[in-house]
């Protein structure tokens, strides 16, 4: 899976694998990480917005799990907590991205966007998958010692370059989408996500 034009394939079963489509549901708001081609910030970087919006998995909520820059992983290989990954938005082909130079418009946290295309990616597209181990009931359901990234298992994403965590909250834009940011004091409950499949 070294070709950046990799189209992705549907996720089957309950383990997240490289090259598969996933949708990320924000635990606190119940909404899905969403991006839309051409919907860009008018301030800051001017890049394509990443927000939480949809209440169900939909085409604009689908991302492909790609390995870190320069690494090849096959579509049957499991993703584990601690892995460095990239998330490519299926419809726009842009990569989930953050950078230290721009503040988010509503809360002035670190801006999170979707950036690039099948031929443009950089180190600011890389995220570490971290296990959410703060829920005792969930730790009984999923073996806390098992590093496998399971569908339905809570996790958070830490931006590899800057250390912030992928975050959303109740702050909304005029179109009733929730801001997504990089949060510097995480993880907290607003950094908690789950993978949901269609």
N, C-alpha and C. Protein backbone atom coordinates (compact mmCIF):
# COMPACT_ATOMS: atom_id res chain seq x y z
N UNK A 1 0.84 -1.19 0.00
CA UNK A 1 0.00 0.00 0.00
C UNK A 1 0.87 1.25 0.00
N UNK A 2 1.79 1.33 -0.93
CA UNK A 2 2.67 2.49 -1.01
C UNK A 2 2.11 3.58 -1.91
N UNK A 3 1.12 3.25 -2.75
CA UNK A 3 0.56 4.20 -3.70
C UNK A 3 -0.38 5.16 -2.98
N UNK A 4 -0.09 6.47 -3.03
CA UNK A 4 -0.91 7.45 -2.34
C UNK A 4 -2.30 7.60 -2.94
N UNK A 5 -2.54 7.02 -4.12
CA UNK A 5 -3.87 7.10 -4.73
C UNK A 5 -4.71 5.89 -4.31
N UNK A 6 -4.25 5.20 -3.29
CA UNK A 6 -4.95 4.02 -2.79
C UNK A 6 -6.42 4.38 -2.51
N UNK A 7 -7.38 3.67 -3.13
CA UNK A 7 -8.78 4.07 -2.99
C UNK A 7 -9.41 3.71 -1.66
N UNK A 8 -8.82 2.77 -0.95
CA UNK A 8 -9.42 2.33 0.30
C UNK A 8 -10.47 1.25 0.06
N UNK A 9 -10.68 0.43 1.07
CA UNK A 9 -11.70 -0.62 0.99
C UNK A 9 -12.49 -0.62 2.29
N UNK A 10 -13.73 -1.11 2.25
CA UNK A 10 -14.55 -1.08 3.46
C UNK A 10 -13.94 -1.91 4.59
N UNK A 11 -14.19 -1.46 5.79
CA UNK A 11 -13.75 -2.18 6.97
C UNK A 11 -14.67 -3.36 7.21
N UNK A 12 -14.08 -4.52 7.43
CA UNK A 12 -14.84 -5.72 7.75
C UNK A 12 -14.39 -6.22 9.12
N UNK A 13 -15.33 -6.71 9.92
CA UNK A 13 -14.98 -7.19 11.24
C UNK A 13 -14.86 -6.05 12.23
N UNK A 14 -14.22 -6.32 13.35
CA UNK A 14 -14.18 -5.33 14.43
C UNK A 14 -12.78 -4.82 14.76
N UNK A 15 -11.83 -5.02 13.83
CA UNK A 15 -10.47 -4.52 14.03
C UNK A 15 -10.15 -3.51 12.93
N UNK A 16 -9.61 -2.35 13.33
CA UNK A 16 -9.21 -1.33 12.36
C UNK A 16 -7.94 -1.79 11.67
N UNK A 17 -7.93 -1.74 10.35
CA UNK A 17 -6.79 -2.18 9.55
C UNK A 17 -6.36 -1.06 8.60
N UNK A 18 -5.10 -1.13 8.19
CA UNK A 18 -4.59 -0.14 7.25
C UNK A 18 -5.32 -0.25 5.91
N UNK A 19 -5.54 0.90 5.29
CA UNK A 19 -6.17 0.93 3.98
C UNK A 19 -7.68 0.82 4.01
N UNK A 20 -8.27 0.77 5.20
CA UNK A 20 -9.72 0.60 5.32
C UNK A 20 -10.41 1.94 5.60
N UNK A 21 -11.69 2.01 5.19
CA UNK A 21 -12.52 3.17 5.51
C UNK A 21 -12.95 3.10 6.97
N UNK A 22 -12.91 4.24 7.66
CA UNK A 22 -13.49 4.33 8.99
C UNK A 22 -14.22 5.67 9.12
N UNK A 23 -15.14 5.73 10.06
CA UNK A 23 -15.79 6.97 10.46
C UNK A 23 -15.51 7.16 11.94
N UNK A 24 -15.18 8.39 12.35
CA UNK A 24 -14.81 8.69 13.73
C UNK A 24 -15.94 9.46 14.41
N UNK A 25 -16.52 8.84 15.44
CA UNK A 25 -17.62 9.45 16.18
C UNK A 25 -17.09 10.09 17.45
N UNK A 26 -17.43 11.37 17.63
CA UNK A 26 -17.03 12.09 18.83
C UNK A 26 -17.93 11.68 19.98
N UNK A 27 -17.32 11.21 21.06
CA UNK A 27 -18.09 10.61 22.14
C UNK A 27 -19.04 11.60 22.82
N UNK A 28 -18.60 12.82 23.08
CA UNK A 28 -19.40 13.77 23.86
C UNK A 28 -20.55 14.37 23.06
N UNK A 29 -20.31 14.73 21.80
CA UNK A 29 -21.37 15.37 21.01
C UNK A 29 -22.20 14.35 20.23
N UNK A 30 -21.65 13.16 20.01
CA UNK A 30 -22.35 12.15 19.23
C UNK A 30 -22.28 12.39 17.73
N UNK A 31 -21.47 13.36 17.31
CA UNK A 31 -21.38 13.68 15.89
C UNK A 31 -20.08 13.13 15.30
N UNK A 32 -20.06 13.04 13.96
CA UNK A 32 -18.94 12.42 13.26
C UNK A 32 -17.99 13.46 12.69
N UNK A 33 -16.70 13.13 12.73
CA UNK A 33 -15.69 13.96 12.07
C UNK A 33 -16.04 14.05 10.59
N UNK A 34 -16.12 15.28 10.10
CA UNK A 34 -16.67 15.54 8.77
C UNK A 34 -15.83 16.59 8.07
N UNK A 35 -15.70 16.45 6.75
CA UNK A 35 -15.06 17.49 5.94
C UNK A 35 -15.75 17.50 4.59
N UNK A 36 -15.75 18.67 3.96
CA UNK A 36 -16.42 18.80 2.66
C UNK A 36 -15.52 19.58 1.72
N UNK A 37 -15.37 19.08 0.50
CA UNK A 37 -14.56 19.77 -0.51
C UNK A 37 -15.04 21.19 -0.70
N UNK A 38 -14.12 22.13 -0.71
CA UNK A 38 -14.45 23.52 -0.97
C UNK A 38 -14.93 24.30 0.23
N UNK A 39 -15.19 23.65 1.36
CA UNK A 39 -15.62 24.35 2.57
C UNK A 39 -14.37 24.66 3.39
N UNK A 40 -13.85 25.86 3.18
CA UNK A 40 -12.54 26.23 3.74
C UNK A 40 -12.68 27.37 4.74
N UNK A 41 -11.72 27.47 5.64
CA UNK A 41 -11.69 28.59 6.58
C UNK A 41 -11.42 29.89 5.83
N UNK A 42 -12.13 30.93 6.22
CA UNK A 42 -11.89 32.25 5.65
C UNK A 42 -10.76 32.97 6.37
N UNK A 43 -10.38 32.46 7.54
CA UNK A 43 -9.27 33.03 8.31
C UNK A 43 -8.22 31.93 8.49
N UNK A 44 -7.20 32.24 9.24
CA UNK A 44 -6.18 31.24 9.55
C UNK A 44 -5.49 30.72 8.31
N UNK A 45 -5.41 29.41 8.18
CA UNK A 45 -4.69 28.80 7.07
C UNK A 45 -5.45 28.87 5.75
N UNK A 46 -6.75 29.04 5.80
CA UNK A 46 -7.57 29.00 4.59
C UNK A 46 -7.78 27.59 4.06
N UNK A 47 -7.37 26.58 4.83
CA UNK A 47 -7.50 25.20 4.38
C UNK A 47 -8.91 24.66 4.63
N UNK A 48 -9.17 23.48 4.10
CA UNK A 48 -10.48 22.83 4.20
C UNK A 48 -10.80 22.51 5.66
N UNK A 49 -12.03 22.87 6.08
CA UNK A 49 -12.44 22.67 7.46
C UNK A 49 -12.56 21.19 7.82
N UNK A 50 -12.20 20.89 9.06
CA UNK A 50 -12.56 19.62 9.70
C UNK A 50 -13.48 19.99 10.86
N UNK A 51 -14.67 19.42 10.89
CA UNK A 51 -15.68 19.73 11.89
C UNK A 51 -16.33 18.42 12.36
N UNK A 52 -17.18 18.49 13.36
CA UNK A 52 -18.10 17.38 13.61
C UNK A 52 -19.47 17.86 13.18
N UNK A 53 -20.17 17.02 12.43
CA UNK A 53 -21.44 17.48 11.85
C UNK A 53 -22.47 16.36 11.77
N UNK A 54 -22.20 15.35 10.96
CA UNK A 54 -23.20 14.31 10.69
C UNK A 54 -23.51 13.51 11.96
N UNK A 55 -24.75 13.01 12.03
CA UNK A 55 -25.16 12.18 13.15
C UNK A 55 -25.04 10.69 12.83
N UNK A 56 -24.82 10.36 11.58
CA UNK A 56 -24.66 8.99 11.14
C UNK A 56 -23.49 8.95 10.15
N UNK A 57 -22.85 7.78 9.99
CA UNK A 57 -21.80 7.69 8.96
C UNK A 57 -22.37 8.03 7.59
N UNK A 58 -21.62 8.80 6.83
CA UNK A 58 -22.03 9.27 5.51
C UNK A 58 -20.79 9.44 4.67
N UNK A 59 -20.91 9.63 3.35
CA UNK A 59 -19.71 9.77 2.52
C UNK A 59 -18.73 10.84 3.00
N UNK A 60 -19.24 11.96 3.52
CA UNK A 60 -18.33 13.03 3.96
C UNK A 60 -17.66 12.75 5.31
N UNK A 61 -18.03 11.62 5.95
CA UNK A 61 -17.40 11.26 7.23
C UNK A 61 -16.36 10.15 7.08
N UNK A 62 -16.12 9.69 5.88
CA UNK A 62 -15.24 8.54 5.69
C UNK A 62 -13.78 8.96 5.48
N UNK A 63 -12.91 8.27 6.20
CA UNK A 63 -11.47 8.48 6.11
C UNK A 63 -10.79 7.13 5.88
N UNK A 64 -9.66 7.15 5.15
CA UNK A 64 -8.86 5.94 4.94
C UNK A 64 -7.68 5.98 5.92
N UNK A 65 -7.45 4.89 6.61
CA UNK A 65 -6.31 4.79 7.53
C UNK A 65 -5.06 4.45 6.73
N UNK A 66 -4.10 5.38 6.71
CA UNK A 66 -2.84 5.19 6.00
C UNK A 66 -1.69 5.12 7.00
N UNK A 67 -0.61 4.44 6.66
CA UNK A 67 0.53 4.40 7.57
C UNK A 67 1.29 5.72 7.57
N UNK A 68 2.22 5.82 8.48
CA UNK A 68 3.08 7.00 8.59
C UNK A 68 3.83 7.22 7.28
N UNK A 69 4.34 8.42 7.10
CA UNK A 69 5.11 8.75 5.90
C UNK A 69 6.27 7.79 5.72
N UNK A 70 6.42 7.29 4.50
CA UNK A 70 7.54 6.42 4.17
C UNK A 70 7.40 4.97 4.59
N UNK A 71 6.27 4.62 5.17
CA UNK A 71 6.07 3.25 5.64
C UNK A 71 5.02 2.55 4.78
N UNK A 72 5.21 1.28 4.52
CA UNK A 72 4.24 0.50 3.77
C UNK A 72 3.56 -0.49 4.69
N UNK A 73 2.24 -0.55 4.63
CA UNK A 73 1.45 -1.49 5.40
C UNK A 73 0.38 -2.07 4.50
N UNK A 74 0.15 -3.36 4.60
CA UNK A 74 -0.86 -4.03 3.79
C UNK A 74 -2.24 -3.89 4.39
N UNK A 75 -3.29 -4.07 3.56
CA UNK A 75 -4.66 -3.89 4.02
C UNK A 75 -5.16 -4.96 4.98
N UNK A 76 -4.35 -5.98 5.24
CA UNK A 76 -4.73 -6.98 6.24
C UNK A 76 -4.02 -6.76 7.57
N UNK A 77 -3.19 -5.72 7.64
CA UNK A 77 -2.44 -5.47 8.87
C UNK A 77 -3.25 -4.63 9.85
N UNK A 78 -3.29 -5.09 11.10
CA UNK A 78 -4.01 -4.39 12.16
C UNK A 78 -3.31 -3.08 12.50
N UNK A 79 -4.11 -2.10 12.92
CA UNK A 79 -3.58 -0.87 13.51
C UNK A 79 -3.59 -1.06 15.03
N UNK A 80 -2.50 -0.71 15.68
CA UNK A 80 -2.39 -0.84 17.13
C UNK A 80 -2.26 0.52 17.79
N UNK A 81 -2.66 0.59 19.04
CA UNK A 81 -2.41 1.81 19.81
C UNK A 81 -0.92 2.06 19.85
N UNK A 82 -0.56 3.31 19.69
CA UNK A 82 0.84 3.69 19.60
C UNK A 82 1.34 3.84 18.18
N UNK A 83 0.57 3.35 17.20
CA UNK A 83 0.96 3.50 15.80
C UNK A 83 0.81 4.94 15.35
N UNK A 84 1.69 5.34 14.46
CA UNK A 84 1.64 6.65 13.82
C UNK A 84 0.91 6.48 12.49
N UNK A 85 -0.21 7.18 12.31
CA UNK A 85 -1.04 7.01 11.13
C UNK A 85 -1.34 8.35 10.47
N UNK A 86 -1.90 8.26 9.27
CA UNK A 86 -2.51 9.40 8.61
C UNK A 86 -3.95 9.03 8.26
N UNK A 87 -4.83 10.02 8.20
CA UNK A 87 -6.23 9.80 7.86
C UNK A 87 -6.55 10.63 6.63
N UNK A 88 -6.85 9.94 5.52
CA UNK A 88 -7.17 10.61 4.26
C UNK A 88 -8.69 10.67 4.09
N UNK A 89 -9.22 11.87 3.90
CA UNK A 89 -10.65 12.05 3.67
C UNK A 89 -11.00 11.47 2.30
N UNK A 90 -11.95 10.54 2.28
CA UNK A 90 -12.22 9.78 1.05
C UNK A 90 -12.69 10.68 -0.08
N UNK A 91 -13.65 11.55 0.17
CA UNK A 91 -14.24 12.36 -0.91
C UNK A 91 -13.28 13.41 -1.46
N UNK A 92 -12.60 14.13 -0.58
CA UNK A 92 -11.76 15.25 -1.05
C UNK A 92 -10.31 14.83 -1.27
N UNK A 93 -9.90 13.67 -0.73
CA UNK A 93 -8.54 13.15 -0.81
C UNK A 93 -7.55 13.95 0.04
N UNK A 94 -8.05 14.90 0.84
CA UNK A 94 -7.19 15.69 1.73
C UNK A 94 -6.92 14.90 3.02
N UNK A 95 -5.85 15.27 3.70
CA UNK A 95 -5.40 14.55 4.89
C UNK A 95 -5.71 15.34 6.16
N UNK A 96 -6.16 14.62 7.21
CA UNK A 96 -6.39 15.29 8.49
C UNK A 96 -5.07 15.88 8.96
N UNK A 97 -5.09 17.16 9.35
CA UNK A 97 -3.86 17.95 9.43
C UNK A 97 -3.97 18.95 10.57
N UNK A 98 -2.86 19.25 11.19
CA UNK A 98 -2.82 20.37 12.13
C UNK A 98 -1.44 21.00 12.06
N UNK A 99 -1.31 22.16 12.63
CA UNK A 99 -0.06 22.92 12.54
C UNK A 99 -0.04 23.95 13.66
N UNK A 100 1.11 24.36 14.12
CA UNK A 100 1.18 25.26 15.27
C UNK A 100 0.94 26.73 14.95
N UNK A 101 0.83 27.08 13.70
CA UNK A 101 0.86 28.49 13.31
C UNK A 101 -0.50 29.19 13.29
N UNK A 102 -1.60 28.44 13.39
CA UNK A 102 -2.92 29.04 13.24
C UNK A 102 -3.84 28.62 14.38
N UNK A 103 -4.59 29.61 14.89
CA UNK A 103 -5.55 29.35 15.97
C UNK A 103 -6.91 29.01 15.37
N UNK A 104 -7.65 28.15 16.06
CA UNK A 104 -9.01 27.84 15.62
C UNK A 104 -9.89 29.07 15.82
N UNK A 105 -10.88 29.27 14.95
CA UNK A 105 -11.61 30.54 14.96
C UNK A 105 -12.52 30.78 16.17
N UNK A 106 -13.07 29.72 16.77
CA UNK A 106 -14.03 29.93 17.87
C UNK A 106 -13.37 29.93 19.24
N UNK A 107 -12.43 29.06 19.48
CA UNK A 107 -11.84 28.93 20.81
C UNK A 107 -10.36 29.28 20.87
N UNK A 108 -9.76 29.58 19.73
CA UNK A 108 -8.34 29.93 19.65
C UNK A 108 -7.44 28.81 20.17
N UNK A 109 -7.89 27.58 20.00
CA UNK A 109 -7.02 26.44 20.21
C UNK A 109 -6.25 26.22 18.90
N UNK A 110 -5.60 25.10 18.73
CA UNK A 110 -4.84 24.88 17.50
C UNK A 110 -5.78 24.44 16.37
N UNK A 111 -5.63 25.08 15.22
CA UNK A 111 -6.49 24.78 14.07
C UNK A 111 -6.25 23.35 13.58
N UNK A 112 -7.34 22.66 13.24
CA UNK A 112 -7.28 21.35 12.59
C UNK A 112 -8.01 21.46 11.26
N UNK A 113 -7.43 20.94 10.21
CA UNK A 113 -8.00 21.06 8.87
C UNK A 113 -7.83 19.73 8.13
N UNK A 114 -8.27 19.73 6.89
CA UNK A 114 -7.89 18.69 5.94
C UNK A 114 -7.07 19.37 4.86
N UNK A 115 -5.92 18.79 4.55
CA UNK A 115 -4.92 19.46 3.72
C UNK A 115 -4.34 18.48 2.70
N UNK A 116 -3.98 19.00 1.55
CA UNK A 116 -3.26 18.22 0.56
C UNK A 116 -4.17 17.40 -0.33
N UNK A 117 -3.59 16.37 -0.93
CA UNK A 117 -4.32 15.52 -1.88
C UNK A 117 -3.56 14.20 -2.00
N UNK A 118 -3.79 13.45 -3.06
CA UNK A 118 -3.12 12.17 -3.22
C UNK A 118 -1.61 12.31 -3.41
N UNK A 119 -1.15 13.49 -3.76
CA UNK A 119 0.27 13.69 -4.03
C UNK A 119 0.95 14.62 -3.03
N UNK A 120 0.16 15.22 -2.12
CA UNK A 120 0.70 16.19 -1.17
C UNK A 120 0.35 15.77 0.25
N UNK A 121 1.36 15.44 1.02
CA UNK A 121 1.21 15.09 2.43
C UNK A 121 2.50 15.46 3.13
N UNK A 122 2.42 15.75 4.43
CA UNK A 122 3.64 16.08 5.17
C UNK A 122 3.53 15.61 6.61
N UNK A 123 4.54 15.93 7.41
CA UNK A 123 4.59 15.44 8.78
C UNK A 123 3.44 15.96 9.65
N UNK A 124 2.80 17.04 9.24
CA UNK A 124 1.67 17.56 10.02
C UNK A 124 0.37 16.79 9.77
N UNK A 125 0.44 15.75 8.93
CA UNK A 125 -0.70 14.85 8.71
C UNK A 125 -0.61 13.61 9.59
N UNK A 126 0.37 13.52 10.47
CA UNK A 126 0.60 12.29 11.23
C UNK A 126 0.04 12.41 12.65
N UNK A 127 -0.65 11.34 13.07
CA UNK A 127 -1.31 11.28 14.37
C UNK A 127 -0.97 9.96 15.05
N UNK A 128 -0.80 9.99 16.36
CA UNK A 128 -0.58 8.77 17.14
C UNK A 128 -1.92 8.32 17.70
N UNK A 129 -2.27 7.05 17.48
CA UNK A 129 -3.50 6.48 18.04
C UNK A 129 -3.23 6.07 19.48
N UNK A 130 -3.96 6.68 20.41
CA UNK A 130 -3.75 6.40 21.83
C UNK A 130 -4.99 5.73 22.42
N UNK A 131 -4.80 4.75 23.27
CA UNK A 131 -5.90 4.07 23.93
C UNK A 131 -6.52 4.97 24.99
N UNK A 132 -7.85 5.04 25.01
CA UNK A 132 -8.56 5.73 26.08
C UNK A 132 -8.74 4.71 27.21
N UNK A 133 -7.98 4.86 28.27
CA UNK A 133 -7.97 3.84 29.33
C UNK A 133 -8.62 4.35 30.61
N UNK A 134 -9.45 5.40 30.51
CA UNK A 134 -10.00 6.05 31.70
C UNK A 134 -11.41 5.60 32.04
N UNK A 135 -11.94 4.62 31.31
CA UNK A 135 -13.31 4.14 31.51
C UNK A 135 -13.23 2.70 32.01
N UNK A 136 -13.54 2.49 33.30
CA UNK A 136 -13.37 1.16 33.90
C UNK A 136 -14.27 0.12 33.24
N UNK A 137 -15.52 0.49 32.95
CA UNK A 137 -16.44 -0.47 32.33
C UNK A 137 -15.93 -0.89 30.96
N UNK A 138 -15.42 0.05 30.21
CA UNK A 138 -14.89 -0.28 28.88
C UNK A 138 -13.62 -1.11 28.99
N UNK A 139 -12.83 -0.86 30.02
CA UNK A 139 -11.62 -1.64 30.22
C UNK A 139 -11.94 -3.10 30.54
N UNK A 140 -13.12 -3.35 31.09
CA UNK A 140 -13.54 -4.73 31.34
C UNK A 140 -14.02 -5.39 30.05
N UNK A 141 -14.66 -4.58 29.17
CA UNK A 141 -15.16 -5.12 27.90
C UNK A 141 -14.00 -5.42 26.94
N UNK A 142 -13.03 -4.51 26.89
CA UNK A 142 -11.86 -4.67 26.04
C UNK A 142 -10.64 -4.84 26.94
N UNK A 143 -9.83 -5.83 26.66
CA UNK A 143 -8.63 -6.08 27.46
C UNK A 143 -7.69 -4.88 27.35
N UNK A 144 -7.49 -4.20 28.46
CA UNK A 144 -6.67 -2.99 28.45
C UNK A 144 -5.22 -3.28 28.06
N UNK A 145 -4.80 -4.54 28.18
CA UNK A 145 -3.44 -4.92 27.79
C UNK A 145 -3.31 -5.21 26.30
N UNK A 146 -4.46 -5.33 25.61
CA UNK A 146 -4.46 -5.64 24.18
C UNK A 146 -4.27 -4.34 23.40
N UNK A 147 -3.19 -4.21 22.60
CA UNK A 147 -2.93 -2.95 21.89
C UNK A 147 -3.77 -2.76 20.63
N UNK A 148 -4.60 -3.73 20.27
CA UNK A 148 -5.34 -3.67 19.01
C UNK A 148 -6.40 -2.57 19.04
N UNK A 149 -6.49 -1.82 17.93
CA UNK A 149 -7.50 -0.76 17.80
C UNK A 149 -8.79 -1.40 17.30
N UNK A 150 -9.75 -1.56 18.20
CA UNK A 150 -11.03 -2.19 17.86
C UNK A 150 -12.10 -1.16 17.53
N UNK A 151 -13.01 -1.54 16.64
CA UNK A 151 -14.23 -0.76 16.41
C UNK A 151 -14.97 -0.66 17.74
N UNK A 152 -15.44 0.54 18.09
CA UNK A 152 -16.20 0.74 19.32
C UNK A 152 -15.35 1.01 20.54
N UNK A 153 -14.04 0.79 20.46
CA UNK A 153 -13.14 1.03 21.60
C UNK A 153 -12.74 2.50 21.63
N UNK A 154 -12.91 3.17 22.74
CA UNK A 154 -12.56 4.59 22.83
C UNK A 154 -11.06 4.80 22.61
N UNK A 155 -10.74 5.91 21.96
CA UNK A 155 -9.35 6.27 21.70
C UNK A 155 -9.24 7.77 21.61
N UNK A 156 -8.03 8.26 21.55
CA UNK A 156 -7.79 9.66 21.18
C UNK A 156 -6.62 9.71 20.22
N UNK A 157 -6.54 10.79 19.48
CA UNK A 157 -5.47 10.99 18.51
C UNK A 157 -4.59 12.13 18.98
N UNK A 158 -3.29 11.87 19.07
CA UNK A 158 -2.33 12.90 19.43
C UNK A 158 -1.54 13.30 18.20
N UNK A 159 -1.53 14.60 17.91
CA UNK A 159 -0.81 15.10 16.75
C UNK A 159 0.69 14.91 16.97
N UNK A 160 1.32 14.19 16.05
CA UNK A 160 2.71 13.78 16.27
C UNK A 160 3.67 14.96 16.35
N UNK A 161 3.45 15.99 15.54
CA UNK A 161 4.40 17.10 15.48
C UNK A 161 4.28 18.08 16.65
N UNK A 162 3.04 18.30 17.11
CA UNK A 162 2.83 19.35 18.12
C UNK A 162 2.33 18.82 19.46
N UNK A 163 1.89 17.58 19.52
CA UNK A 163 1.47 16.99 20.79
C UNK A 163 0.05 17.27 21.22
N UNK A 164 -0.69 18.09 20.46
CA UNK A 164 -2.08 18.38 20.83
C UNK A 164 -2.96 17.17 20.52
N UNK A 165 -4.13 17.13 21.13
CA UNK A 165 -5.06 16.03 20.91
C UNK A 165 -6.24 16.50 20.07
N UNK A 166 -6.75 15.59 19.21
CA UNK A 166 -7.91 15.91 18.36
C UNK A 166 -9.12 16.08 19.27
N UNK A 167 -9.80 17.20 19.12
CA UNK A 167 -10.75 17.67 20.12
C UNK A 167 -11.98 18.26 19.42
N UNK A 168 -13.14 18.06 19.99
CA UNK A 168 -14.32 18.81 19.56
C UNK A 168 -15.10 19.18 20.80
N UNK A 169 -16.11 20.02 20.66
CA UNK A 169 -16.85 20.53 21.80
C UNK A 169 -18.18 21.09 21.32
N UNK A 170 -18.92 21.71 22.21
CA UNK A 170 -20.25 22.22 21.88
C UNK A 170 -20.24 23.53 21.10
N UNK A 171 -19.07 24.16 20.96
CA UNK A 171 -18.98 25.41 20.22
C UNK A 171 -19.30 25.15 18.74
N UNK A 172 -20.27 25.90 18.20
CA UNK A 172 -20.72 25.64 16.83
C UNK A 172 -20.56 26.86 15.94
N UNK A 173 -20.40 26.57 14.65
CA UNK A 173 -20.41 27.61 13.62
C UNK A 173 -21.86 27.90 13.25
N UNK A 174 -22.07 28.90 12.41
CA UNK A 174 -23.42 29.29 12.00
C UNK A 174 -24.18 28.21 11.24
N UNK A 175 -23.45 27.25 10.68
CA UNK A 175 -24.11 26.16 9.95
C UNK A 175 -24.38 24.94 10.84
N UNK A 176 -24.30 25.14 12.17
CA UNK A 176 -24.58 24.09 13.17
C UNK A 176 -23.59 22.94 13.09
N UNK A 177 -22.37 23.22 12.68
CA UNK A 177 -21.30 22.23 12.78
C UNK A 177 -20.43 22.59 13.97
N UNK A 178 -19.87 21.59 14.62
CA UNK A 178 -19.04 21.82 15.80
C UNK A 178 -17.58 21.99 15.40
N UNK A 179 -16.92 22.93 16.06
CA UNK A 179 -15.50 23.15 15.82
C UNK A 179 -14.69 21.91 16.21
N UNK A 180 -13.68 21.60 15.44
CA UNK A 180 -12.69 20.58 15.77
C UNK A 180 -11.34 21.29 15.88
N UNK A 181 -10.61 20.97 16.93
CA UNK A 181 -9.35 21.67 17.20
C UNK A 181 -8.29 20.69 17.66
N UNK A 182 -7.09 21.21 17.84
CA UNK A 182 -6.04 20.53 18.56
C UNK A 182 -5.96 21.12 19.95
N UNK A 183 -6.12 20.29 20.96
CA UNK A 183 -6.23 20.75 22.35
C UNK A 183 -4.92 20.47 23.08
N UNK A 184 -4.38 21.49 23.72
CA UNK A 184 -3.06 21.37 24.31
C UNK A 184 -3.01 20.79 25.70
N UNK A 185 -4.15 20.65 26.38
CA UNK A 185 -4.15 20.16 27.75
C UNK A 185 -4.77 18.78 27.87
N UNK A 186 -4.89 18.06 26.76
CA UNK A 186 -5.56 16.77 26.75
C UNK A 186 -4.68 15.64 27.24
N UNK A 187 -5.26 14.44 27.34
CA UNK A 187 -6.63 14.20 26.88
C UNK A 187 -7.67 14.54 27.95
N UNK A 188 -8.83 15.03 27.46
CA UNK A 188 -9.99 15.15 28.33
C UNK A 188 -11.18 14.54 27.60
N UNK A 189 -12.35 14.57 28.19
CA UNK A 189 -13.51 13.87 27.61
C UNK A 189 -13.84 14.35 26.20
N UNK A 190 -13.52 15.58 25.86
CA UNK A 190 -13.79 16.09 24.52
C UNK A 190 -12.77 15.62 23.49
N UNK A 191 -11.80 14.83 23.92
CA UNK A 191 -10.82 14.22 23.02
C UNK A 191 -11.14 12.76 22.74
N UNK A 192 -12.27 12.29 23.23
CA UNK A 192 -12.61 10.86 23.16
C UNK A 192 -13.44 10.56 21.91
N UNK A 193 -12.98 9.58 21.13
CA UNK A 193 -13.60 9.21 19.87
C UNK A 193 -13.78 7.69 19.82
N UNK A 194 -14.63 7.24 18.90
CA UNK A 194 -14.79 5.81 18.62
C UNK A 194 -14.88 5.62 17.11
N UNK A 195 -14.43 4.47 16.63
CA UNK A 195 -14.64 4.11 15.22
C UNK A 195 -15.99 3.45 15.11
N UNK A 196 -16.76 3.90 14.12
CA UNK A 196 -18.06 3.32 13.81
C UNK A 196 -18.03 2.91 12.35
N UNK A 197 -18.60 1.77 12.03
CA UNK A 197 -18.70 1.33 10.63
C UNK A 197 -20.14 1.42 10.19
N UNK A 198 -20.34 1.53 8.86
CA UNK A 198 -21.68 1.64 8.30
C UNK A 198 -22.45 0.36 8.54
